[in-house]
């Protein structure tokens, strides 16, 4: 995968101290990673680079929203996302990104690409179960929710755990149940 040039930060000409960079993250950023879970994206990313003599400290701070489908109703909604991620870049003999909080780049490098860290930080900030806010407060009306309510078990069926008295059971199961009681 090619690096996105706008997320490559040249640090050679920068003075020691803090430097700020601002980015607008859109859906095309995630399409670059072939991640298609988001319908729309609007995220502001602030990158703070603290350049020191032997290392670089990065702090990624982001906030905005991603438009996703609800896991229950499949309705699209805007999920607010925000977070902060901190990592350090050091210099070494060869490139090494095995540690998630420490990136080692070869001596003589003059720039660092942060796109992978941005991608992972935003994707991991999304909740594992995405629920439309209208479901939580009861204001969302949809055909899917109506059908789920219709098909859900009633309280009496869940409390007893058995079928109603008038229901007949399959005779094949009755003969199998005898095996359990014949011990």
N, C-alpha and C. Protein backbone atom coordinates (compact mmCIF):
# COMPACT_ATOMS: atom_id res chain seq x y z
N UNK A 1 0.84 -1.17 0.00
CA UNK A 1 0.00 0.00 0.00
C UNK A 1 0.90 1.24 0.00
N UNK A 2 0.55 2.18 -0.84
CA UNK A 2 1.32 3.41 -0.91
C UNK A 2 1.00 4.32 0.26
N UNK A 3 1.98 5.11 0.64
CA UNK A 3 1.77 6.08 1.71
C UNK A 3 1.04 7.29 1.15
N UNK A 4 0.13 7.83 1.95
CA UNK A 4 -0.52 9.08 1.58
C UNK A 4 0.43 10.22 1.91
N UNK A 5 0.74 11.05 0.92
CA UNK A 5 1.75 12.10 1.09
C UNK A 5 1.37 13.12 2.15
N UNK A 6 0.06 13.41 2.29
CA UNK A 6 -0.33 14.44 3.26
C UNK A 6 -0.10 14.01 4.71
N UNK A 7 0.08 12.69 4.95
CA UNK A 7 0.34 12.21 6.30
C UNK A 7 1.82 11.91 6.53
N UNK A 8 2.66 12.33 5.60
CA UNK A 8 4.10 12.21 5.77
C UNK A 8 4.62 13.54 6.30
N UNK A 9 5.21 13.49 7.48
CA UNK A 9 5.66 14.71 8.15
C UNK A 9 7.18 14.78 8.08
N UNK A 10 7.72 15.76 7.34
CA UNK A 10 9.17 15.94 7.32
C UNK A 10 9.61 16.67 8.59
N UNK A 11 10.55 16.08 9.31
CA UNK A 11 10.96 16.65 10.59
C UNK A 11 12.38 17.21 10.56
N UNK A 12 13.11 17.04 9.47
CA UNK A 12 14.51 17.46 9.42
C UNK A 12 14.66 18.98 9.57
N UNK A 13 13.84 19.76 8.92
CA UNK A 13 13.98 21.21 8.96
C UNK A 13 13.33 21.86 10.16
N UNK A 14 12.70 21.08 11.03
CA UNK A 14 11.99 21.65 12.17
C UNK A 14 12.93 21.90 13.34
N UNK A 15 12.68 22.97 14.07
CA UNK A 15 13.47 23.28 15.27
C UNK A 15 13.02 22.38 16.41
N UNK A 16 13.84 22.26 17.43
CA UNK A 16 13.46 21.50 18.62
C UNK A 16 12.26 22.19 19.28
N UNK A 17 11.35 21.39 19.79
CA UNK A 17 10.16 21.93 20.44
C UNK A 17 8.88 21.39 19.82
N UNK A 18 7.77 22.05 20.11
CA UNK A 18 6.45 21.59 19.67
C UNK A 18 6.07 22.18 18.32
N UNK A 19 5.43 21.32 17.51
CA UNK A 19 4.93 21.72 16.20
C UNK A 19 3.54 21.12 16.03
N UNK A 20 2.62 21.91 15.47
CA UNK A 20 1.23 21.46 15.31
C UNK A 20 0.91 21.27 13.82
N UNK A 21 0.15 20.20 13.55
CA UNK A 21 -0.33 19.91 12.20
C UNK A 21 -1.82 19.59 12.31
N UNK A 22 -2.61 20.07 11.34
CA UNK A 22 -4.05 19.81 11.34
C UNK A 22 -4.42 19.08 10.05
N UNK A 23 -5.30 18.09 10.19
CA UNK A 23 -5.77 17.31 9.05
C UNK A 23 -7.28 17.16 9.12
N UNK A 24 -7.90 17.07 7.96
CA UNK A 24 -9.33 16.74 7.83
C UNK A 24 -9.40 15.32 7.27
N UNK A 25 -10.00 14.41 8.03
CA UNK A 25 -10.14 13.02 7.62
C UNK A 25 -11.51 12.84 6.99
N UNK A 26 -11.54 12.28 5.77
CA UNK A 26 -12.80 12.02 5.08
C UNK A 26 -12.88 10.54 4.71
N UNK A 27 -13.94 10.20 4.03
CA UNK A 27 -14.15 8.81 3.64
C UNK A 27 -13.05 8.30 2.71
N UNK A 28 -12.47 9.15 1.90
CA UNK A 28 -11.43 8.73 0.97
C UNK A 28 -10.19 8.20 1.71
N UNK A 29 -9.94 8.71 2.91
CA UNK A 29 -8.83 8.20 3.72
C UNK A 29 -9.03 6.72 4.02
N UNK A 30 -10.23 6.34 4.41
CA UNK A 30 -10.52 4.94 4.75
C UNK A 30 -10.63 4.07 3.50
N UNK A 31 -11.04 4.64 2.38
CA UNK A 31 -11.07 3.89 1.13
C UNK A 31 -9.66 3.50 0.71
N UNK A 32 -8.68 4.31 1.05
CA UNK A 32 -7.28 3.99 0.77
C UNK A 32 -6.87 2.69 1.47
N UNK A 33 -7.42 2.45 2.66
CA UNK A 33 -7.15 1.24 3.42
C UNK A 33 -8.14 0.12 3.10
N UNK A 34 -9.02 0.35 2.14
CA UNK A 34 -10.07 -0.60 1.74
C UNK A 34 -10.98 -0.95 2.91
N UNK A 35 -11.25 0.03 3.74
CA UNK A 35 -12.15 -0.13 4.88
C UNK A 35 -13.48 0.52 4.50
N UNK A 36 -14.52 -0.29 4.40
CA UNK A 36 -15.79 0.19 3.86
C UNK A 36 -16.93 0.17 4.87
N UNK A 37 -16.62 0.20 6.15
CA UNK A 37 -17.65 0.18 7.19
C UNK A 37 -18.32 1.54 7.36
N UNK A 38 -17.66 2.61 6.95
CA UNK A 38 -18.18 3.96 7.16
C UNK A 38 -18.85 4.46 5.88
N UNK A 39 -20.05 5.05 6.05
CA UNK A 39 -20.75 5.65 4.92
C UNK A 39 -20.27 7.07 4.65
N UNK A 40 -19.92 7.76 5.71
CA UNK A 40 -19.42 9.12 5.60
C UNK A 40 -18.52 9.39 6.81
N UNK A 41 -17.56 10.28 6.64
CA UNK A 41 -16.60 10.57 7.71
C UNK A 41 -16.31 12.06 7.70
N UNK A 42 -16.30 12.65 8.89
CA UNK A 42 -15.87 14.05 9.06
C UNK A 42 -15.15 14.14 10.40
N UNK A 43 -13.83 14.05 10.34
CA UNK A 43 -13.03 14.05 11.57
C UNK A 43 -11.93 15.09 11.44
N UNK A 44 -11.74 15.85 12.50
CA UNK A 44 -10.63 16.80 12.59
C UNK A 44 -9.52 16.15 13.41
N UNK A 45 -8.33 16.14 12.85
CA UNK A 45 -7.18 15.53 13.51
C UNK A 45 -6.13 16.60 13.79
N UNK A 46 -5.73 16.71 15.04
CA UNK A 46 -4.65 17.60 15.45
C UNK A 46 -3.46 16.75 15.84
N UNK A 47 -2.32 17.02 15.23
CA UNK A 47 -1.10 16.27 15.52
C UNK A 47 -0.13 17.23 16.20
N UNK A 48 0.33 16.82 17.36
CA UNK A 48 1.34 17.59 18.09
C UNK A 48 2.64 16.80 18.01
N UNK A 49 3.64 17.40 17.39
CA UNK A 49 4.97 16.80 17.29
C UNK A 49 5.89 17.56 18.22
N UNK A 50 6.45 16.84 19.19
CA UNK A 50 7.43 17.44 20.10
C UNK A 50 8.79 16.87 19.69
N UNK A 51 9.59 17.69 19.02
CA UNK A 51 10.89 17.25 18.52
C UNK A 51 11.94 17.46 19.61
N UNK A 52 12.63 16.36 19.92
CA UNK A 52 13.73 16.41 20.89
C UNK A 52 15.01 15.98 20.17
N UNK A 53 16.12 16.05 20.81
CA UNK A 53 17.39 15.76 20.14
C UNK A 53 17.51 14.31 19.70
N UNK A 54 16.98 13.36 20.47
CA UNK A 54 17.16 11.94 20.13
C UNK A 54 15.87 11.23 19.75
N UNK A 55 14.73 11.90 19.87
CA UNK A 55 13.46 11.23 19.55
C UNK A 55 12.40 12.25 19.18
N UNK A 56 11.29 11.72 18.66
CA UNK A 56 10.13 12.53 18.31
C UNK A 56 8.93 11.99 19.08
N UNK A 57 8.17 12.86 19.72
CA UNK A 57 6.96 12.46 20.42
C UNK A 57 5.76 12.97 19.63
N UNK A 58 4.85 12.05 19.32
CA UNK A 58 3.64 12.41 18.58
C UNK A 58 2.42 12.23 19.49
N UNK A 59 1.52 13.17 19.45
CA UNK A 59 0.23 13.05 20.12
C UNK A 59 -0.84 13.34 19.09
N UNK A 60 -1.68 12.34 18.81
CA UNK A 60 -2.77 12.48 17.86
C UNK A 60 -4.06 12.71 18.64
N UNK A 61 -4.75 13.79 18.37
CA UNK A 61 -6.03 14.09 19.01
C UNK A 61 -7.05 14.30 17.91
N UNK A 62 -8.15 13.54 17.98
CA UNK A 62 -9.15 13.63 16.92
C UNK A 62 -10.55 13.73 17.52
N UNK A 63 -11.45 14.35 16.75
CA UNK A 63 -12.86 14.41 17.12
C UNK A 63 -13.67 14.63 15.85
N UNK A 64 -14.88 14.13 15.87
CA UNK A 64 -15.77 14.24 14.71
C UNK A 64 -16.80 13.14 14.74
N UNK A 65 -17.22 12.70 13.55
CA UNK A 65 -18.21 11.63 13.49
C UNK A 65 -17.93 10.73 12.29
N UNK A 66 -18.45 9.51 12.40
CA UNK A 66 -18.48 8.58 11.27
C UNK A 66 -19.92 8.12 11.12
N UNK A 67 -20.38 7.99 9.90
CA UNK A 67 -21.73 7.51 9.64
C UNK A 67 -21.67 6.01 9.44
N UNK A 68 -22.35 5.27 10.33
CA UNK A 68 -22.32 3.81 10.31
C UNK A 68 -23.73 3.28 10.34
N UNK A 69 -23.86 1.97 10.07
CA UNK A 69 -25.15 1.30 10.14
C UNK A 69 -25.33 0.70 11.54
N UNK A 70 -26.52 0.84 12.07
CA UNK A 70 -26.85 0.28 13.38
C UNK A 70 -26.85 -1.24 13.29
N UNK A 71 -26.31 -1.90 14.32
CA UNK A 71 -26.26 -3.37 14.33
C UNK A 71 -27.63 -4.00 14.53
N UNK A 72 -28.57 -3.28 15.08
CA UNK A 72 -29.90 -3.84 15.33
C UNK A 72 -30.85 -3.56 14.19
N UNK A 73 -30.96 -2.29 13.80
CA UNK A 73 -31.96 -1.91 12.81
C UNK A 73 -31.39 -1.67 11.42
N UNK A 74 -30.09 -1.62 11.27
CA UNK A 74 -29.41 -1.33 10.01
C UNK A 74 -29.69 0.09 9.50
N UNK A 75 -30.21 0.95 10.37
CA UNK A 75 -30.42 2.36 10.04
C UNK A 75 -29.08 3.09 10.15
N UNK A 76 -28.82 4.02 9.25
CA UNK A 76 -27.57 4.78 9.27
C UNK A 76 -27.70 5.94 10.27
N UNK A 77 -26.62 6.18 11.00
CA UNK A 77 -26.59 7.29 11.94
C UNK A 77 -25.15 7.76 12.11
N UNK A 78 -24.99 8.96 12.67
CA UNK A 78 -23.66 9.53 12.91
C UNK A 78 -23.18 9.15 14.30
N UNK A 79 -22.09 8.40 14.35
CA UNK A 79 -21.48 7.98 15.61
C UNK A 79 -20.36 8.96 15.93
N UNK A 80 -20.48 9.64 17.06
CA UNK A 80 -19.42 10.56 17.48
C UNK A 80 -18.17 9.77 17.87
N UNK A 81 -17.03 10.26 17.44
CA UNK A 81 -15.75 9.64 17.79
C UNK A 81 -14.80 10.73 18.26
N UNK A 82 -13.99 10.36 19.24
CA UNK A 82 -12.95 11.27 19.71
C UNK A 82 -11.94 10.44 20.47
N UNK A 83 -10.75 10.95 20.57
CA UNK A 83 -9.73 10.22 21.30
C UNK A 83 -8.36 10.84 21.14
N UNK A 84 -7.42 10.25 21.85
CA UNK A 84 -6.04 10.70 21.83
C UNK A 84 -5.14 9.49 21.78
N UNK A 85 -4.06 9.60 21.03
CA UNK A 85 -3.09 8.51 20.95
C UNK A 85 -1.70 9.11 20.99
N UNK A 86 -0.82 8.48 21.74
CA UNK A 86 0.53 8.99 21.92
C UNK A 86 1.53 7.90 21.52
N UNK A 87 2.51 8.25 20.71
CA UNK A 87 3.58 7.31 20.38
C UNK A 87 4.89 8.06 20.19
N UNK A 88 5.98 7.31 20.24
CA UNK A 88 7.33 7.89 20.17
C UNK A 88 8.05 7.31 18.95
N UNK A 89 8.81 8.15 18.29
CA UNK A 89 9.63 7.72 17.16
C UNK A 89 11.09 7.88 17.57
N UNK A 90 11.82 6.76 17.49
CA UNK A 90 13.26 6.77 17.79
C UNK A 90 14.02 6.37 16.54
N UNK A 91 15.32 6.55 16.58
CA UNK A 91 16.18 6.21 15.46
C UNK A 91 16.99 4.97 15.79
N UNK A 92 17.12 4.07 14.81
CA UNK A 92 17.87 2.83 15.03
C UNK A 92 18.49 2.34 13.74
N UNK A 93 18.97 1.10 13.74
CA UNK A 93 19.63 0.54 12.56
C UNK A 93 18.66 0.20 11.44
N UNK A 94 17.46 -0.26 11.81
CA UNK A 94 16.49 -0.64 10.78
C UNK A 94 15.08 -0.30 11.26
N UNK A 95 14.15 -0.25 10.30
CA UNK A 95 12.74 0.07 10.58
C UNK A 95 12.14 -1.03 11.45
N UNK A 96 11.39 -0.64 12.49
CA UNK A 96 10.74 -1.60 13.38
C UNK A 96 9.49 -0.95 13.95
N UNK A 97 8.33 -1.55 13.65
CA UNK A 97 7.07 -1.03 14.19
C UNK A 97 6.31 -2.10 14.98
N UNK A 98 7.05 -3.04 15.59
CA UNK A 98 6.42 -4.12 16.34
C UNK A 98 5.75 -3.62 17.62
N UNK A 99 6.30 -2.62 18.27
CA UNK A 99 5.70 -2.06 19.47
C UNK A 99 4.73 -0.97 19.04
N UNK A 100 3.51 -1.00 19.58
CA UNK A 100 2.50 -0.05 19.14
C UNK A 100 2.72 1.37 19.65
N UNK A 101 3.56 1.55 20.65
CA UNK A 101 3.83 2.88 21.18
C UNK A 101 5.23 3.38 20.83
N UNK A 102 6.00 2.58 20.09
CA UNK A 102 7.35 2.96 19.73
C UNK A 102 7.62 2.57 18.28
N UNK A 103 7.97 3.55 17.48
CA UNK A 103 8.33 3.33 16.09
C UNK A 103 9.81 3.63 15.95
N UNK A 104 10.55 2.66 15.40
CA UNK A 104 11.98 2.86 15.18
C UNK A 104 12.20 3.02 13.68
N UNK A 105 12.82 4.13 13.29
CA UNK A 105 13.11 4.37 11.88
C UNK A 105 14.64 4.44 11.72
N UNK A 106 15.13 4.14 10.52
CA UNK A 106 16.59 4.12 10.31
C UNK A 106 17.24 5.49 10.50
N UNK A 107 18.49 5.48 10.96
CA UNK A 107 19.27 6.72 11.05
C UNK A 107 19.32 7.35 9.67
N UNK A 108 19.26 8.64 9.60
CA UNK A 108 19.31 9.34 8.32
C UNK A 108 17.94 9.60 7.73
N UNK A 109 16.88 9.09 8.33
CA UNK A 109 15.52 9.37 7.84
C UNK A 109 15.21 10.84 8.07
N UNK A 110 14.42 11.39 7.19
CA UNK A 110 14.09 12.80 7.31
C UNK A 110 12.59 13.06 7.40
N UNK A 111 11.78 11.99 7.34
CA UNK A 111 10.34 12.15 7.44
C UNK A 111 9.73 10.88 8.03
N UNK A 112 8.52 11.02 8.55
CA UNK A 112 7.81 9.88 9.12
C UNK A 112 6.35 9.94 8.66
N UNK A 113 5.80 8.79 8.31
CA UNK A 113 4.41 8.70 7.86
C UNK A 113 3.56 8.18 9.02
N UNK A 114 2.51 8.91 9.36
CA UNK A 114 1.68 8.56 10.51
C UNK A 114 0.31 7.99 10.11
N UNK A 115 0.09 7.69 8.83
CA UNK A 115 -1.24 7.28 8.37
C UNK A 115 -1.74 6.01 9.05
N UNK A 116 -0.88 5.03 9.28
CA UNK A 116 -1.30 3.78 9.91
C UNK A 116 -1.77 4.02 11.34
N UNK A 117 -1.07 4.87 12.07
CA UNK A 117 -1.45 5.18 13.44
C UNK A 117 -2.79 5.92 13.48
N UNK A 118 -3.00 6.83 12.54
CA UNK A 118 -4.26 7.56 12.46
C UNK A 118 -5.41 6.59 12.17
N UNK A 119 -5.21 5.73 11.19
CA UNK A 119 -6.24 4.75 10.80
C UNK A 119 -6.62 3.85 11.97
N UNK A 120 -5.63 3.25 12.60
CA UNK A 120 -5.89 2.30 13.69
C UNK A 120 -6.54 2.99 14.88
N UNK A 121 -6.12 4.19 15.21
CA UNK A 121 -6.67 4.91 16.34
C UNK A 121 -8.15 5.21 16.14
N UNK A 122 -8.52 5.65 14.95
CA UNK A 122 -9.92 5.99 14.69
C UNK A 122 -10.78 4.74 14.63
N UNK A 123 -10.32 3.71 13.94
CA UNK A 123 -11.12 2.49 13.81
C UNK A 123 -11.33 1.83 15.18
N UNK A 124 -10.32 1.84 16.02
CA UNK A 124 -10.45 1.23 17.34
C UNK A 124 -11.27 2.07 18.31
N UNK A 125 -11.56 3.32 17.97
CA UNK A 125 -12.38 4.15 18.85
C UNK A 125 -13.88 3.91 18.63
N UNK A 126 -14.23 3.19 17.56
CA UNK A 126 -15.64 2.89 17.27
C UNK A 126 -16.11 1.80 18.23
N UNK A 127 -17.29 1.93 18.84
CA UNK A 127 -17.77 0.86 19.72
C UNK A 127 -18.00 -0.43 18.95
N UNK A 128 -17.80 -1.56 19.62
CA UNK A 128 -17.98 -2.85 18.95
C UNK A 128 -19.44 -3.09 18.59
N UNK A 129 -20.35 -2.65 19.44
CA UNK A 129 -21.78 -2.77 19.13
C UNK A 129 -22.31 -1.38 18.85
N UNK A 130 -22.70 -1.16 17.62
CA UNK A 130 -23.17 0.15 17.19
C UNK A 130 -24.70 0.17 17.28
N UNK A 131 -25.23 1.01 18.18
CA UNK A 131 -26.67 1.10 18.38
C UNK A 131 -27.13 2.52 18.11
N UNK A 132 -28.12 2.64 17.24
CA UNK A 132 -28.70 3.94 16.88
C UNK A 132 -29.23 4.61 18.15
N UNK A 133 -28.95 5.91 18.33
CA UNK A 133 -29.43 6.60 19.54
C UNK A 133 -30.96 6.57 19.66
N UNK A 134 -31.66 6.49 18.55
CA UNK A 134 -33.12 6.43 18.58
C UNK A 134 -33.65 5.13 19.17
N UNK A 135 -32.86 4.07 19.12
CA UNK A 135 -33.27 2.80 19.73
C UNK A 135 -33.14 2.91 21.24
N UNK A 136 -32.06 3.52 21.69
CA UNK A 136 -31.82 3.63 23.13
C UNK A 136 -32.86 4.50 23.83
N UNK A 137 -33.29 5.58 23.18
CA UNK A 137 -34.29 6.43 23.83
C UNK A 137 -35.71 6.15 23.35
N UNK A 138 -35.89 5.21 22.42
CA UNK A 138 -37.23 4.79 22.00
C UNK A 138 -37.88 5.67 20.96
N UNK A 139 -37.15 6.58 20.34
CA UNK A 139 -37.77 7.49 19.37
C UNK A 139 -37.68 6.99 17.94
N UNK A 140 -36.86 5.98 17.66
CA UNK A 140 -36.70 5.49 16.30
C UNK A 140 -37.87 4.58 15.92
N UNK A 141 -38.50 4.87 14.81
CA UNK A 141 -39.59 4.04 14.30
C UNK A 141 -39.14 3.45 12.96
N UNK A 142 -39.11 2.13 12.89
CA UNK A 142 -38.75 1.49 11.63
C UNK A 142 -39.44 0.14 11.54
N UNK A 143 -39.56 -0.36 10.32
CA UNK A 143 -40.21 -1.65 10.08
C UNK A 143 -39.43 -2.78 10.73
N UNK A 144 -38.11 -2.67 10.72
CA UNK A 144 -37.27 -3.73 11.29
C UNK A 144 -37.52 -3.84 12.79
N UNK A 145 -37.58 -2.72 13.49
CA UNK A 145 -37.82 -2.75 14.93
C UNK A 145 -39.21 -3.30 15.25
N UNK A 146 -40.20 -2.93 14.42
CA UNK A 146 -41.55 -3.47 14.63
C UNK A 146 -41.56 -4.98 14.47
N UNK A 147 -40.88 -5.49 13.48
CA UNK A 147 -40.84 -6.94 13.25
C UNK A 147 -40.07 -7.65 14.38
N UNK A 148 -38.97 -7.06 14.86
CA UNK A 148 -38.24 -7.64 15.98
C UNK A 148 -39.12 -7.72 17.22
N UNK A 149 -39.90 -6.69 17.46
CA UNK A 149 -40.79 -6.68 18.63
C UNK A 149 -41.87 -7.75 18.48
N UNK A 150 -42.38 -7.91 17.26
CA UNK A 150 -43.41 -8.92 17.00
C UNK A 150 -42.88 -10.34 17.21
N UNK A 151 -41.64 -10.59 16.83
CA UNK A 151 -41.07 -11.93 16.91
C UNK A 151 -40.40 -12.23 18.25
N UNK A 152 -40.26 -11.24 19.09
CA UNK A 152 -39.58 -11.48 20.36
C UNK A 152 -40.46 -12.30 21.30
N UNK A 153 -39.83 -13.01 22.21
CA UNK A 153 -40.56 -13.83 23.17
C UNK A 153 -41.29 -12.94 24.17
N UNK A 154 -42.47 -13.41 24.59
CA UNK A 154 -43.20 -12.66 25.61
C UNK A 154 -42.59 -12.99 26.97
N UNK A 155 -42.93 -12.21 27.97
CA UNK A 155 -42.36 -12.40 29.30
C UNK A 155 -42.74 -13.76 29.88
N UNK A 156 -43.96 -14.23 29.66
CA UNK A 156 -44.39 -15.51 30.22
C UNK A 156 -43.62 -16.68 29.57
N UNK A 157 -43.29 -16.56 28.29
CA UNK A 157 -42.54 -17.62 27.62
C UNK A 157 -41.11 -17.68 28.11
N UNK A 158 -40.53 -16.54 28.41
CA UNK A 158 -39.14 -16.54 28.88
C UNK A 158 -39.05 -16.94 30.34
N UNK A 159 -40.09 -16.63 31.15
CA UNK A 159 -40.06 -16.98 32.57
C UNK A 159 -40.17 -18.48 32.80
N UNK A 160 -41.06 -19.13 32.08
CA UNK A 160 -41.27 -20.56 32.31
C UNK A 160 -40.24 -21.40 31.58
N UNK A 161 -39.80 -20.95 30.45
CA UNK A 161 -38.83 -21.72 29.68
C UNK A 161 -39.45 -22.92 28.98
N UNK A 162 -40.78 -23.08 29.09
CA UNK A 162 -41.47 -24.21 28.47
C UNK A 162 -42.57 -23.71 27.56
N UNK A 163 -43.03 -24.56 26.71
CA UNK A 163 -44.12 -24.22 25.82
C UNK A 163 -45.42 -24.18 26.62
N UNK A 164 -46.43 -23.56 26.05
CA UNK A 164 -47.74 -23.49 26.71
C UNK A 164 -48.33 -24.90 26.82
N UNK A 165 -49.28 -25.07 27.76
CA UNK A 165 -49.87 -26.38 28.02
C UNK A 165 -50.59 -26.94 26.81
N UNK A 166 -51.22 -26.11 26.02
CA UNK A 166 -51.99 -26.57 24.87
C UNK A 166 -51.12 -27.01 23.71
N UNK A 167 -49.84 -26.68 23.71
CA UNK A 167 -48.95 -27.03 22.61
C UNK A 167 -48.60 -28.51 22.67
N UNK A 168 -48.59 -29.13 21.53
CA UNK A 168 -48.21 -30.54 21.43
C UNK A 168 -46.73 -30.60 21.07
N UNK A 169 -46.05 -31.60 21.59
CA UNK A 169 -44.65 -31.77 21.27
C UNK A 169 -44.51 -32.84 20.20
N UNK A 170 -43.40 -32.83 19.54
CA UNK A 170 -43.12 -33.81 18.49
C UNK A 170 -42.86 -35.17 19.14
N UNK A 171 -43.56 -36.25 18.71
CA UNK A 171 -43.40 -37.57 19.34
C UNK A 171 -41.97 -38.10 19.22
N UNK A 172 -41.23 -37.70 18.21
CA UNK A 172 -39.84 -38.16 18.09
C UNK A 172 -39.01 -37.67 19.26
N UNK A 173 -39.28 -36.45 19.70
CA UNK A 173 -38.54 -35.91 20.84
C UNK A 173 -38.96 -36.60 22.14
N UNK A 174 -40.24 -36.99 22.22
CA UNK A 174 -40.70 -37.66 23.44
C UNK A 174 -39.95 -38.96 23.67
N UNK A 175 -39.72 -39.72 22.59
CA UNK A 175 -39.00 -40.99 22.75
C UNK A 175 -37.53 -40.74 23.12
N UNK A 176 -36.96 -39.65 22.65
CA UNK A 176 -35.59 -39.32 23.04
C UNK A 176 -35.53 -38.87 24.50
N UNK A 177 -36.55 -38.18 24.96
CA UNK A 177 -36.58 -37.75 26.36
C UNK A 177 -36.66 -38.94 27.30
N UNK A 178 -37.28 -40.04 26.86
CA UNK A 178 -37.36 -41.24 27.68
C UNK A 178 -35.97 -41.79 27.96
N UNK A 179 -35.06 -41.64 27.00
CA UNK A 179 -33.70 -42.13 27.21
C UNK A 179 -33.03 -41.42 28.38
N UNK A 180 -33.33 -40.16 28.56
CA UNK A 180 -32.75 -39.39 29.66
C UNK A 180 -33.28 -39.86 31.01
N UNK A 181 -34.54 -40.27 31.05
CA UNK A 181 -35.15 -40.67 32.32
C UNK A 181 -34.98 -42.15 32.62
N UNK A 182 -34.49 -42.96 31.69
CA UNK A 182 -34.35 -44.39 31.89
C UNK A 182 -33.08 -44.78 32.63
N UNK A 183 -32.35 -43.86 33.16
CA UNK A 183 -31.06 -44.17 33.81
C UNK A 183 -31.23 -44.94 35.06
